[in-house]
PDB file of N, CA and C in Angstrom:
ATOM      1  N   MET A   1      -4.291  -7.705  -6.885  1.00  0.00           N
ATOM      2  CA  MET A   1      -4.806  -6.338  -6.151  1.00  0.00           C
ATOM      3  C   MET A   1      -4.270  -5.575  -7.131  1.00  0.00           C
ATOM      4  N   ASP A   2      -4.928  -4.460  -7.943  1.00  0.00           N
ATOM      5  CA  ASP A   2      -4.476  -3.505  -8.500  1.00  0.00           C
ATOM      6  C   ASP A   2      -3.882  -2.341  -7.738  1.00  0.00           C
ATOM      7  N   LYS A   3      -3.302  -1.331  -8.282  1.00  0.00           N
ATOM      8  CA  LYS A   3      -2.629  -0.437  -7.610  1.00  0.00           C
ATOM      9  C   LYS A   3      -3.467   0.374  -7.285  1.00  0.00           C
ATOM     10  N   GLN A   4      -4.649   0.920  -7.631  1.00  0.00           N
ATOM     11  CA  GLN A   4      -5.488   1.753  -7.453  1.00  0.00           C
ATOM     12  C   GLN A   4      -6.378   1.371  -5.954  1.00  0.00           C
ATOM     13  N   THR A   5      -6.877  -0.034  -5.826  1.00  0.00           N
ATOM     14  CA  THR A   5      -7.352  -0.485  -4.961  1.00  0.00           C
ATOM     15  C   THR A   5      -5.981  -0.738  -3.686  1.00  0.00           C
ATOM     16  N   GLN A   6      -5.245  -1.048  -3.809  1.00  0.00           N
ATOM     17  CA  GLN A   6      -4.236  -0.876  -3.165  1.00  0.00           C
ATOM     18  C   GLN A   6      -4.036   0.666  -2.603  1.00  0.00           C
ATOM     19  N   GLU A   7      -4.337   1.878  -2.904  1.00  0.00           N
ATOM     20  CA  GLU A   7      -4.456   3.016  -2.624  1.00  0.00           C
ATOM     21  C   GLU A   7      -5.022   3.379  -1.991  1.00  0.00           C
ATOM     22  N   THR A   8      -6.444   2.606  -2.349  1.00  0.00           N
ATOM     23  CA  THR A   8      -7.615   2.970  -1.363  1.00  0.00           C
ATOM     24  C   THR A   8      -7.849   2.222  -0.222  1.00  0.00           C
ATOM     25  N   PHE A   9      -6.903   0.882   0.177  1.00  0.00           N
ATOM     26  CA  PHE A   9      -6.303   0.782   1.566  1.00  0.00           C
ATOM     27  C   PHE A   9      -5.399   1.495   2.081  1.00  0.00           C
ATOM     28  N   ARG A  10      -4.484   2.448   1.461  1.00  0.00           N
ATOM     29  CA  ARG A  10      -3.600   3.224   2.007  1.00  0.00           C
ATOM     30  C   ARG A  10      -4.424   3.921   3.069  1.00  0.00           C
ATOM     31  N   ILE A  11      -5.659   5.022   2.553  1.00  0.00           N
ATOM     32  CA  ILE A  11      -6.203   5.666   3.995  1.00  0.00           C
ATOM     33  C   ILE A  11      -6.857   4.783   4.991  1.00  0.00           C
ATOM     34  N   CYS A  12      -7.312   3.519   4.909  1.00  0.00           N
ATOM     35  CA  CYS A  12      -7.796   2.760   5.859  1.00  0.00           C
ATOM     36  C   CYS A  12      -6.457   2.318   6.756  1.00  0.00           C
ATOM     37  N   VAL A  13      -5.303   1.991   6.316  1.00  0.00           N
ATOM     38  CA  VAL A  13      -3.821   1.872   6.924  1.00  0.00           C
ATOM     39  C   VAL A  13      -3.528   2.944   7.793  1.00  0.00           C
ATOM     40  N   GLU A  14      -3.313   4.211   7.057  1.00  0.00           N
ATOM     41  CA  GLU A  14      -2.751   5.472   7.345  1.00  0.00           C
ATOM     42  C   GLU A  14      -3.986   5.591   8.847  1.00  0.00           C
ATOM     43  N   SER A  15      -4.887   5.401   8.534  1.00  0.00           N
ATOM     44  CA  SER A  15      -6.291   6.178   9.734  1.00  0.00           C
ATOM     45  C   SER A  15      -6.100   4.927  10.946  1.00  0.00           C
ATOM     46  N   ARG A  16      -6.201   3.632  10.496  1.00  0.00           N
ATOM     47  CA  ARG A  16      -5.934   2.844  12.079  1.00  0.00           C
ATOM     48  C   ARG A  16      -4.129   2.826  12.484  1.00  0.00           C
ATOM     49  N   LEU A  17      -3.283   3.480  11.821  1.00  0.00           N
ATOM     50  CA  LEU A  17      -1.986   4.134  12.343  1.00  0.00           C
ATOM     51  C   LEU A  17      -2.560   4.978  13.000  1.00  0.00           C
ATOM     52  N   LYS A  18      -2.913   6.090  12.906  1.00  0.00           N
ATOM     53  CA  LYS A  18      -3.160   7.065  13.945  1.00  0.00           C
ATOM     54  C   LYS A  18      -3.685   7.071  14.952  1.00  0.00           C
ATOM     55  N   GLU A  19      -5.166   6.049  15.039  1.00  0.00           N
ATOM     56  CA  GLU A  19      -5.445   5.846  16.186  1.00  0.00           C
ATOM     57  C   GLU A  19      -4.549   4.975  17.052  1.00  0.00           C
ATOM     58  N   ASN A  20      -3.889   3.960  16.265  1.00  0.00           N
ATOM     59  CA  ASN A  20      -2.799   3.356  17.202  1.00  0.00           C
ATOM     60  C   ASN A  20      -1.979   4.206  17.949  1.00  0.00           C
ATOM     61  N   GLU A  21      -1.375   5.193  17.009  1.00  0.00           N
ATOM     62  CA  GLU A  21      -0.414   5.961  17.842  1.00  0.00           C
ATOM     63  C   GLU A  21      -1.140   6.873  18.922  1.00  0.00           C
ATOM     64  N   LYS A  22      -2.030   7.591  18.458  1.00  0.00           N
ATOM     65  CA  LYS A  22      -2.790   7.764  19.849  1.00  0.00           C
ATOM     66  C   LYS A  22      -2.827   6.800  21.334  1.00  0.00           C
ATOM     67  N   GLU A  23      -3.282   5.638  20.958  1.00  0.00           N
ATOM     68  CA  GLU A  23      -3.498   4.840  21.898  1.00  0.00           C
ATOM     69  C   GLU A  23      -2.457   4.581  22.466  1.00  0.00           C
ATOM     70  N   ILE A  24      -0.857   4.370  21.879  1.00  0.00           N
ATOM     71  CA  ILE A  24       0.088   4.724  22.339  1.00  0.00           C
ATOM     72  C   ILE A  24       0.706   5.614  23.263  1.00  0.00           C
ATOM     73  N   GLU A  25       0.523   6.711  23.154  1.00  0.00           N
ATOM     74  CA  GLU A  25       0.237   8.192  23.541  1.00  0.00           C
ATOM     75  C   GLU A  25      -0.258   7.881  24.764  1.00  0.00           C
ATOM     76  N   SER A  26      -1.334   7.636  24.855  1.00  0.00           N
ATOM     77  CA  SER A  26      -2.311   7.505  26.032  1.00  0.00           C
ATOM     78  C   SER A  26      -1.928   6.557  27.164  1.00  0.00           C
ATOM     79  N   LEU A  27      -0.969   5.748  26.447  1.00  0.00           N
ATOM     80  CA  LEU A  27      -0.466   4.706  27.651  1.00  0.00           C
ATOM     81  C   LEU A  27       0.757   4.912  28.211  1.00  0.00           C
ATOM     82  N   ALA A  28       0.971   6.329  27.672  1.00  0.00           N
ATOM     83  CA  ALA A  28       2.806   6.681  28.553  1.00  0.00           C
ATOM     84  C   ALA A  28       2.497   6.559  29.558  1.00  0.00           C
ATOM     85  N   ALA A  29       1.615   7.308  29.809  1.00  0.00           N
ATOM     86  CA  ALA A  29       1.693   7.983  31.580  1.00  0.00           C
ATOM     87  C   ALA A  29       1.543   6.824  32.191  1.00  0.00           C
ATOM     88  N   GLU A  30       0.771   5.667  31.995  1.00  0.00           N
ATOM     89  CA  GLU A  30       0.151   4.044  32.808  1.00  0.00           C
ATOM     90  C   GLU A  30       1.520   3.391  32.925  1.00  0.00           C
ATOM     91  N   THR A  31       2.713   3.738  31.892  1.00  0.00           N
ATOM     92  CA  THR A  31       4.023   3.012  32.033  1.00  0.00           C
ATOM     93  C   THR A  31       4.739   2.969  32.809  1.00  0.00           C
ATOM     94  N   GLU A  32       4.260   4.779  33.384  1.00  0.00           N
ATOM     95  CA  GLU A  32       5.987   5.123  33.558  1.00  0.00           C
ATOM     96  C   GLU A  32       6.167   4.244  35.075  1.00  0.00           C
ATOM     97  N   ALA A  33       7.181   4.323  35.736  1.00  0.00           N
ATOM     98  CA  ALA A  33       7.939   3.514  36.319  1.00  0.00           C
ATOM     99  C   ALA A  33       7.138   4.243  38.123  1.00  0.00           C
ATOM    100  N   ILE A  34       6.964   3.617  38.913  1.00  0.00           N
ATOM    101  CA  ILE A  34       6.130   3.973  40.270  1.00  0.00           C
ATOM    102  C   ILE A  34       7.471   4.353  41.253  1.00  0.00           C
ATOM    103  N   ALA A  35       7.693   5.261  41.462  1.00  0.00           N
ATOM    104  CA  ALA A  35       8.504   5.871  42.405  1.00  0.00           C
ATOM    105  C   ALA A  35       8.904   4.975  43.728  1.00  0.00           C
ATOM    106  N   PRO A  36       9.710   4.580  44.445  1.00  0.00           N
ATOM    107  CA  PRO A  36       9.633   4.113  45.630  1.00  0.00           C
ATOM    108  C   PRO A  36       9.090   4.932  46.802  1.00  0.00           C
ATOM    109  N   ASP A  37       9.978   5.893  46.457  1.00  0.00           N
ATOM    110  CA  ASP A  37       9.384   6.854  47.811  1.00  0.00           C
ATOM    111  C   ASP A  37       8.093   7.620  47.658  1.00  0.00           C
ATOM    112  N   VAL A  38       7.420   7.032  46.931  1.00  0.00           N
ATOM    113  CA  VAL A  38       5.748   7.432  47.130  1.00  0.00           C
ATOM    114  C   VAL A  38       4.974   6.587  48.164  1.00  0.00           C
ATOM    115  N   SER A  39       4.447   7.314  48.767  1.00  0.00           N
ATOM    116  CA  SER A  39       3.840   6.941  49.883  1.00  0.00           C
ATOM    117  C   SER A  39       2.473   6.374  49.796  1.00  0.00           C
ATOM    118  N   ILE A  40       2.430   5.009  49.533  1.00  0.00           N
ATOM    119  CA  ILE A  40       1.629   4.275  49.172  1.00  0.00           C
ATOM    120  C   ILE A  40       1.319   2.978  50.339  1.00  0.00           C
ATOM    121  N   GLY A  41      -0.093   2.435  50.127  1.00  0.00           N
ATOM    122  CA  GLY A  41       0.433   1.135  50.999  1.00  0.00           C
ATOM    123  C   GLY A  41       0.994   0.039  50.325  1.00  0.00           C
ATOM    124  N   ARG A  42       1.218  -1.077  51.012  1.00  0.00           N
ATOM    125  CA  ARG A  42       1.864  -2.767  49.984  1.00  0.00           C
ATOM    126  C   ARG A  42       1.145  -2.943  49.121  1.00  0.00           C
ATOM    127  N   LEU A  43      -0.129  -3.053  49.420  1.00  0.00           N
ATOM    128  CA  LEU A  43      -1.558  -3.633  48.571  1.00  0.00           C
ATOM    129  C   LEU A  43      -1.410  -2.748  47.504  1.00  0.00           C
ATOM    130  N   SER A  44      -1.715  -1.141  47.686  1.00  0.00           N
ATOM    131  CA  SER A  44      -1.442  -0.665  46.791  1.00  0.00           C
ATOM    132  C   SER A  44      -0.964  -0.146  45.741  1.00  0.00           C
ATOM    133  N   ARG A  45       0.669  -0.662  46.193  1.00  0.00           N
ATOM    134  CA  ARG A  45       1.907  -0.288  45.219  1.00  0.00           C
ATOM    135  C   ARG A  45       1.610  -1.713  44.202  1.00  0.00           C
ATOM    136  N   LEU A  46       1.490  -3.194  44.828  1.00  0.00           N
ATOM    137  CA  LEU A  46       1.592  -3.980  44.626  1.00  0.00           C
ATOM    138  C   LEU A  46      -0.027  -4.073  42.971  1.00  0.00           C
ATOM    139  N   ASP A  47      -0.999  -3.459  43.468  1.00  0.00           N
ATOM    140  CA  ASP A  47      -1.827  -3.072  42.585  1.00  0.00           C
ATOM    141  C   ASP A  47      -1.434  -2.241  41.536  1.00  0.00           C
ATOM    142  N   SER A  48      -1.106  -1.366  41.652  1.00  0.00           N
ATOM    143  CA  SER A  48      -0.386  -0.251  40.932  1.00  0.00           C
ATOM    144  C   SER A  48       0.756  -0.893  40.020  1.00  0.00           C
ATOM    145  N   MET A  49       1.401  -1.673  40.457  1.00  0.00           N
ATOM    146  CA  MET A  49       2.693  -2.132  39.983  1.00  0.00           C
ATOM    147  C   MET A  49       1.660  -3.295  38.714  1.00  0.00           C
ATOM    148  N   GLN A  50       0.991  -4.034  39.221  1.00  0.00           N
ATOM    149  CA  GLN A  50       0.080  -5.219  38.264  1.00  0.00           C
ATOM    150  C   GLN A  50      -0.542  -4.199  37.075  1.00  0.00           C
ATOM    151  N   GLN A  51      -1.376  -2.736  37.446  1.00  0.00           N
ATOM    152  CA  GLN A  51      -2.124  -1.793  36.495  1.00  0.00           C
ATOM    153  C   GLN A  51      -0.758  -1.613  35.635  1.00  0.00           C
ATOM    154  N   GLN A  52       0.837  -1.312  35.855  1.00  0.00           N
ATOM    155  CA  GLN A  52       1.502  -0.864  35.092  1.00  0.00           C
ATOM    156  C   GLN A  52       2.396  -1.957  34.063  1.00  0.00           C
ATOM    157  N   GLN A  53       1.956  -3.341  34.575  1.00  0.00           N
ATOM    158  CA  GLN A  53       2.428  -4.293  33.571  1.00  0.00           C
ATOM    159  C   GLN A  53       1.126  -4.800  32.359  1.00  0.00           C
ATOM    160  N   MET A  54       0.269  -4.359  32.924  1.00  0.00           N
ATOM    161  CA  MET A  54      -0.761  -4.602  32.495  1.00  0.00           C
ATOM    162  C   MET A  54      -0.909  -3.696  30.601  1.00  0.00           C
ATOM    163  N   ALA A  55      -0.401  -2.095  31.508  1.00  0.00           N
ATOM    164  CA  ALA A  55      -0.663  -1.219  30.472  1.00  0.00           C
ATOM    165  C   ALA A  55       0.953  -1.550  29.491  1.00  0.00           C
ATOM    166  N   LEU A  56       2.002  -2.152  30.086  1.00  0.00           N
ATOM    167  CA  LEU A  56       3.269  -2.144  29.426  1.00  0.00           C
ATOM    168  C   LEU A  56       2.746  -3.393  28.219  1.00  0.00           C
ATOM    169  N   ALA A  57       2.001  -4.108  28.246  1.00  0.00           N
ATOM    170  CA  ALA A  57       1.962  -5.166  27.929  1.00  0.00           C
ATOM    171  C   ALA A  57       1.013  -4.726  26.432  1.00  0.00           C
ATOM    172  N   ASN A  58       0.011  -3.693  26.980  1.00  0.00           N
ATOM    173  CA  ASN A  58      -0.993  -3.209  25.954  1.00  0.00           C
ATOM    174  C   ASN A  58      -0.383  -2.174  25.100  1.00  0.00           C
ATOM    175  N   LYS A  59       0.711  -1.462  25.914  1.00  0.00           N
ATOM    176  CA  LYS A  59       1.646  -0.910  24.681  1.00  0.00           C
ATOM    177  C   LYS A  59       2.149  -1.616  23.926  1.00  0.00           C
ATOM    178  N   ARG A  60       3.017  -2.711  24.047  1.00  0.00           N
ATOM    179  CA  ARG A  60       3.660  -3.530  23.310  1.00  0.00           C
ATOM    180  C   ARG A  60       2.983  -4.243  22.193  1.00  0.00           C
ATOM    181  N   ARG A  61       1.546  -4.384  22.447  1.00  0.00           N
ATOM    182  CA  ARG A  61       0.989  -5.123  21.520  1.00  0.00           C
ATOM    183  C   ARG A  61       0.429  -3.752  20.450  1.00  0.00           C
ATOM    184  N   HIS A  62       0.468  -2.776  20.843  1.00  0.00           N
ATOM    185  CA  HIS A  62       0.033  -1.835  20.208  1.00  0.00           C
ATOM    186  C   HIS A  62       1.414  -1.404  18.891  1.00  0.00           C
ATOM    187  N   GLU A  63       2.195  -1.352  19.759  1.00  0.00           N
ATOM    188  CA  GLU A  63       3.715  -1.234  18.904  1.00  0.00           C
ATOM    189  C   GLU A  63       4.188  -2.145  17.974  1.00  0.00           C
ATOM    190  N   GLU A  64       3.270  -3.299  18.182  1.00  0.00           N
ATOM    191  CA  GLU A  64       3.580  -4.363  17.295  1.00  0.00           C
ATOM    192  C   GLU A  64       2.833  -4.180  16.033  1.00  0.00           C
ATOM    193  N   GLU A  65       1.601  -3.922  16.539  1.00  0.00           N
ATOM    194  CA  GLU A  65       0.532  -3.441  15.465  1.00  0.00           C
ATOM    195  C   GLU A  65       0.775  -2.317  14.553  1.00  0.00           C
ATOM    196  N   ARG A  66       1.807  -1.392  15.278  1.00  0.00           N
ATOM    197  CA  ARG A  66       2.210  -0.375  14.311  1.00  0.00           C
ATOM    198  C   ARG A  66       3.038  -0.409  13.562  1.00  0.00           C
ATOM    199  N   ASN A  67       3.870  -1.427  13.974  1.00  0.00           N
ATOM    200  CA  ASN A  67       4.966  -2.039  12.974  1.00  0.00           C
ATOM    201  C   ASN A  67       4.232  -2.630  12.013  1.00  0.00           C
ATOM    202  N   ARG A  68       3.358  -3.552  12.028  1.00  0.00           N
ATOM    203  CA  ARG A  68       2.942  -4.288  11.119  1.00  0.00           C
ATOM    204  C   ARG A  68       2.398  -3.423  10.058  1.00  0.00           C
ATOM    205  N   LEU A  69       1.259  -2.654  10.710  1.00  0.00           N
ATOM    206  CA  LEU A  69       0.861  -1.106   9.567  1.00  0.00           C
ATOM    207  C   LEU A  69       1.804  -0.521   9.061  1.00  0.00           C
ATOM    208  N   LEU A  70       2.757  -0.135   9.781  1.00  0.00           N
ATOM    209  CA  LEU A  70       4.038   0.657   8.924  1.00  0.00           C
ATOM    210  C   LEU A  70       4.514  -0.533   7.564  1.00  0.00           C
ATOM    211  N   GLU A  71       4.395  -1.365   7.898  1.00  0.00           N
ATOM    212  CA  GLU A  71       5.066  -2.916   6.737  1.00  0.00           C
ATOM    213  C   GLU A  71       3.977  -2.457   6.040  1.00  0.00           C
ATOM    214  N   GLY A  72       2.803  -2.389   6.095  1.00  0.00           N
ATOM    215  CA  GLY A  72       1.360  -2.138   5.298  1.00  0.00           C
ATOM    216  C   GLY A  72       1.657  -1.315   4.349  1.00  0.00           C
ATOM    217  N   LEU A  73       2.165  -0.267   5.007  1.00  0.00           N
ATOM    218  CA  LEU A  73       2.213   1.111   4.123  1.00  0.00           C
ATOM    219  C   LEU A  73       3.678   1.020   3.023  1.00  0.00           C
ATOM    220  N   ARG A  74       4.547   0.254   3.350  1.00  0.00           N
ATOM    221  CA  ARG A  74       5.866  -0.052   2.446  1.00  0.00           C
ATOM    222  C   ARG A  74       5.140  -0.876   1.221  1.00  0.00           C
ATOM    223  N   ARG A  75       4.571  -1.681   1.980  1.00  0.00           N
ATOM    224  CA  ARG A  75       4.015  -2.984   0.836  1.00  0.00           C
ATOM    225  C   ARG A  75       2.965  -2.095  -0.064  1.00  0.00           C
ATOM    226  N   ILE A  76       2.752  -1.044   0.598  1.00  0.00           N
ATOM    227  CA  ILE A  76       1.655  -0.154  -0.703  1.00  0.00           C
ATOM    228  C   ILE A  76       2.339   0.355  -1.606  1.00  0.00           C
ATOM    229  N   ASP A  77       3.731   1.140  -1.343  1.00  0.00           N
ATOM    230  CA  ASP A  77       4.388   1.557  -1.673  1.00  0.00           C
ATOM    231  C   ASP A  77       5.534   0.851  -2.826  1.00  0.00           C
ATOM    232  N   ALA A  78       5.635  -0.530  -2.824  1.00  0.00           N
ATOM    233  CA  ALA A  78       6.790  -1.332  -3.270  1.00  0.00           C
ATOM    234  C   ALA A  78       5.356  -1.946  -4.320  1.00  0.00           C
ATOM    235  N   GLY A  79       4.113  -2.085  -4.136  1.00  0.00           N
ATOM    236  CA  GLY A  79       2.842  -2.570  -5.071  1.00  0.00           C
ATOM    237  C   GLY A  79       2.683  -3.963  -4.729  1.00  0.00           C
ATOM    238  N   ASN A  80       2.963  -4.614  -3.716  1.00  0.00           N
ATOM    239  CA  ASN A  80       2.816  -5.872  -3.559  1.00  0.00           C
ATOM    240  C   ASN A  80       1.657  -6.021  -2.254  1.00  0.00           C
ATOM    241  N   PHE A  81       0.938  -4.803  -1.550  1.00  0.00           N
ATOM    242  CA  PHE A  81      -0.040  -4.936  -0.431  1.00  0.00           C
ATOM    243  C   PHE A  81      -1.090  -5.539  -1.290  1.00  0.00           C
ATOM    244  N   GLY A  82      -1.632  -6.847  -0.249  1.00  0.00           N
ATOM    245  CA  GLY A  82      -2.826  -7.561  -0.380  1.00  0.00           C
ATOM    246  C   GLY A  82      -2.685  -8.774  -1.384  1.00  0.00           C
ATOM    247  N   HIS A  83      -1.322  -8.865  -1.589  1.00  0.00           N
ATOM    248  CA  HIS A  83      -0.535 -10.494  -1.887  1.00  0.00           C
ATOM    249  C   HIS A  83      -0.322 -11.212  -0.778  1.00  0.00           C
ATOM    250  N   CYS A  84      -0.972 -12.500  -0.826  1.00  0.00           N
ATOM    251  CA  CYS A  84      -0.166 -13.564   0.142  1.00  0.00           C
ATOM    252  C   CYS A  84       0.965 -13.798   0.215  1.00  0.00           C
ATOM    253  N   LEU A  85       2.078 -13.511   1.326  1.00  0.00           N
ATOM    254  CA  LEU A  85       3.356 -13.679   1.165  1.00  0.00           C
ATOM    255  C   LEU A  85       3.851 -15.412   0.898  1.00  0.00           C
ATOM    256  N   LEU A  86       2.592 -16.053   1.618  1.00  0.00           N
ATOM    257  CA  LEU A  86       3.025 -17.670   0.842  1.00  0.00           C
ATOM    258  C   LEU A  86       2.264 -18.097  -0.401  1.00  0.00           C
ATOM    259  N   CYS A  87       1.361 -18.023  -0.572  1.00  0.00           N
ATOM    260  CA  CYS A  87       0.983 -18.581  -1.819  1.00  0.00           C
ATOM    261  C   CYS A  87       0.768 -17.454  -3.079  1.00  0.00           C
ATOM    262  N   HIS A  88       1.449 -16.203  -2.888  1.00  0.00           N
ATOM    263  CA  HIS A  88       1.114 -15.452  -3.588  1.00  0.00           C
ATOM    264  C   HIS A  88      -0.218 -14.676  -4.713  1.00  0.00           C
ATOM    265  N   GLN A  89      -1.145 -15.661  -4.090  1.00  0.00           N
ATOM    266  CA  GLN A  89      -2.727 -15.052  -4.345  1.00  0.00           C
ATOM    267  C   GLN A  89      -3.002 -13.737  -3.838  1.00  0.00           C
ATOM    268  N   ASP A  90      -4.091 -13.091  -4.040  1.00  0.00           N
ATOM    269  CA  ASP A  90      -4.963 -11.869  -3.374  1.00  0.00           C
ATOM    270  C   ASP A  90      -5.411 -11.997  -2.387  1.00  0.00           C
ATOM    271  N   ILE A  91      -4.839 -11.411  -1.170  1.00  0.00           N
ATOM    272  CA  ILE A  91      -6.148 -11.411   0.318  1.00  0.00           C
ATOM    273  C   ILE A  91      -7.479 -11.019  -0.318  1.00  0.00           C
ATOM    274  N   PRO A  92      -8.381 -11.892   0.207  1.00  0.00           N
ATOM    275  CA  PRO A  92      -9.529 -10.988  -0.256  1.00  0.00           C
ATOM    276  C   PRO A  92      -9.688  -9.635   0.632  1.00  0.00           C
ATOM    277  N   ARG A  93     -10.520  -8.714   0.098  1.00  0.00           N
ATOM    278  CA  ARG A  93     -10.914  -7.368   0.449  1.00  0.00           C
ATOM    279  C   ARG A  93     -11.338  -7.747   1.588  1.00  0.00           C
ATOM    280  N   GLU A  94     -12.431  -8.458   1.392  1.00  0.00           N
ATOM    281  CA  GLU A  94     -12.875  -8.382   3.283  1.00  0.00           C
ATOM    282  C   GLU A  94     -11.871  -8.735   4.352  1.00  0.00           C
ATOM    283  N   ARG A  95     -11.204  -9.401   4.182  1.00  0.00           N
ATOM    284  CA  ARG A  95      -9.989  -9.680   5.087  1.00  0.00           C
ATOM    285  C   ARG A  95      -9.020  -8.602   5.472  1.00  0.00           C
ATOM    286  N   LEU A  96      -8.678  -7.707   4.345  1.00  0.00           N
ATOM    287  CA  LEU A  96      -7.768  -6.797   4.203  1.00  0.00           C
ATOM    288  C   LEU A  96      -8.761  -5.722   5.111  1.00  0.00           C
ATOM    289  N   GLU A  97     -10.080  -5.045   4.958  1.00  0.00           N
ATOM    290  CA  GLU A  97     -11.055  -4.280   5.683  1.00  0.00           C
ATOM    291  C   GLU A  97     -10.883  -4.748   6.914  1.00  0.00           C
ATOM    292  N   LEU A  98     -11.044  -5.709   7.337  1.00  0.00           N
ATOM    293  CA  LEU A  98     -11.123  -6.065   9.111  1.00  0.00           C
ATOM    294  C   LEU A  98      -9.466  -5.926   9.647  1.00  0.00           C
ATOM    295  N   GLN A  99      -8.652  -6.621   8.680  1.00  0.00           N
ATOM    296  CA  GLN A  99      -7.359  -6.571   9.311  1.00  0.00           C
ATOM    297  C   GLN A  99      -6.076  -6.193   7.867  1.00  0.00           C
ATOM    298  N   PRO A 100      -6.193  -4.610   7.988  1.00  0.00           N
ATOM    299  CA  PRO A 100      -5.116  -4.065   7.058  1.00  0.00           C
ATOM    300  C   PRO A 100      -3.670  -4.436   6.823  1.00  0.00           C
ATOM    301  N   ASP A 101      -3.418  -5.096   8.181  1.00  0.00           N
ATOM    302  CA  ASP A 101      -1.711  -5.660   8.433  1.00  0.00           C
ATOM    303  C   ASP A 101      -1.418  -6.955   7.891  1.00  0.00           C
ATOM    304  N   ALA A 102      -2.708  -7.545   8.032  1.00  0.00           N
ATOM    305  CA  ALA A 102      -2.659  -9.339   7.205  1.00  0.00           C
ATOM    306  C   ALA A 102      -1.835  -9.431   6.029  1.00  0.00           C
ATOM    307  N   VAL A 103      -0.809 -10.631   6.240  1.00  0.00           N
ATOM    308  CA  VAL A 103       0.181 -10.462   5.089  1.00  0.00           C
ATOM    309  C   VAL A 103      -0.332 -11.740   4.270  1.00  0.00           C
ATOM    310  N   THR A 104      -0.992 -12.592   4.861  1.00  0.00           N
ATOM    311  CA  THR A 104      -1.218 -14.045   4.218  1.00  0.00           C
ATOM    312  C   THR A 104      -3.118 -14.437   4.422  1.00  0.00           C
ATOM    313  N   CYS A 105      -3.251 -15.218   3.598  1.00  0.00           N
ATOM    314  CA  CYS A 105      -4.728 -15.474   3.307  1.00  0.00           C
ATOM    315  C   CYS A 105      -5.239 -16.687   4.345  1.00  0.00           C
ATOM    316  N   VAL A 106      -6.677 -16.348   4.502  1.00  0.00           N
ATOM    317  CA  VAL A 106      -6.938 -17.501   5.800  1.00  0.00           C
ATOM    318  C   VAL A 106      -6.511 -18.860   5.456  1.00  0.00           C
ATOM    319  N   PRO A 107      -6.789 -19.159   4.177  1.00  0.00           N
ATOM    320  CA  PRO A 107      -6.149 -20.902   3.771  1.00  0.00           C
ATOM    321  C   PRO A 107      -4.732 -21.098   4.446  1.00  0.00           C
ATOM    322  N   CYS A 108      -3.585 -20.034   3.991  1.00  0.00           N
ATOM    323  CA  CYS A 108      -2.538 -20.364   4.062  1.00  0.00           C
ATOM    324  C   CYS A 108      -1.894 -19.900   5.994  1.00  0.00           C
ATOM    325  N   LEU A 109      -3.012 -19.391   6.551  1.00  0.00           N
ATOM    326  CA  LEU A 109      -2.810 -18.649   7.563  1.00  0.00           C
ATOM    327  C   LEU A 109      -3.343 -20.442   8.404  1.00  0.00           C
ATOM    328  N   LYS A 110      -4.432 -20.996   8.052  1.00  0.00           N
ATOM    329  CA  LYS A 110      -4.604 -22.270   8.456  1.00  0.00           C
ATOM    330  C   LYS A 110      -3.983 -23.448   8.306  1.00  0.00           C
ATOM    331  N   LYS A 111      -2.901 -23.201   7.127  1.00  0.00           N
ATOM    332  CA  LYS A 111      -1.784 -24.332   6.677  1.00  0.00           C
ATOM    333  C   LYS A 111      -0.846 -23.993   8.004  1.00  0.00           C
ATOM    334  N   ARG A 112      -0.520 -22.691   8.243  1.00  0.00           N
ATOM    335  CA  ARG A 112       0.790 -22.999   9.400  1.00  0.00           C
ATOM    336  C   ARG A 112       0.444 -23.017  10.415  1.00  0.00           C
TER     337      ARG A 112
END
């Protein structure tokens, strides 16, 4: 993949990264600990704890995606964005448009 094409993906990666950061920020309130002195019923507390755990899992997923997107920006800077880490061939543009943090092509992904 040439440098110009990689730079066009920078916009896509940065846009996805901003969306991801907003989502992580919005989940901050939902992942706060539930104070034991808050007077709610036992079932309500269990439901709140379950909601908190689901929000934590969602936050972790977004943080992992953020890390992959940041790595994508580093690969763009290094000039090796869009190259499969396993076979060193170009990853198809369509795949990168759907998943800009992809590091392998589909055939190598299937082999794994």
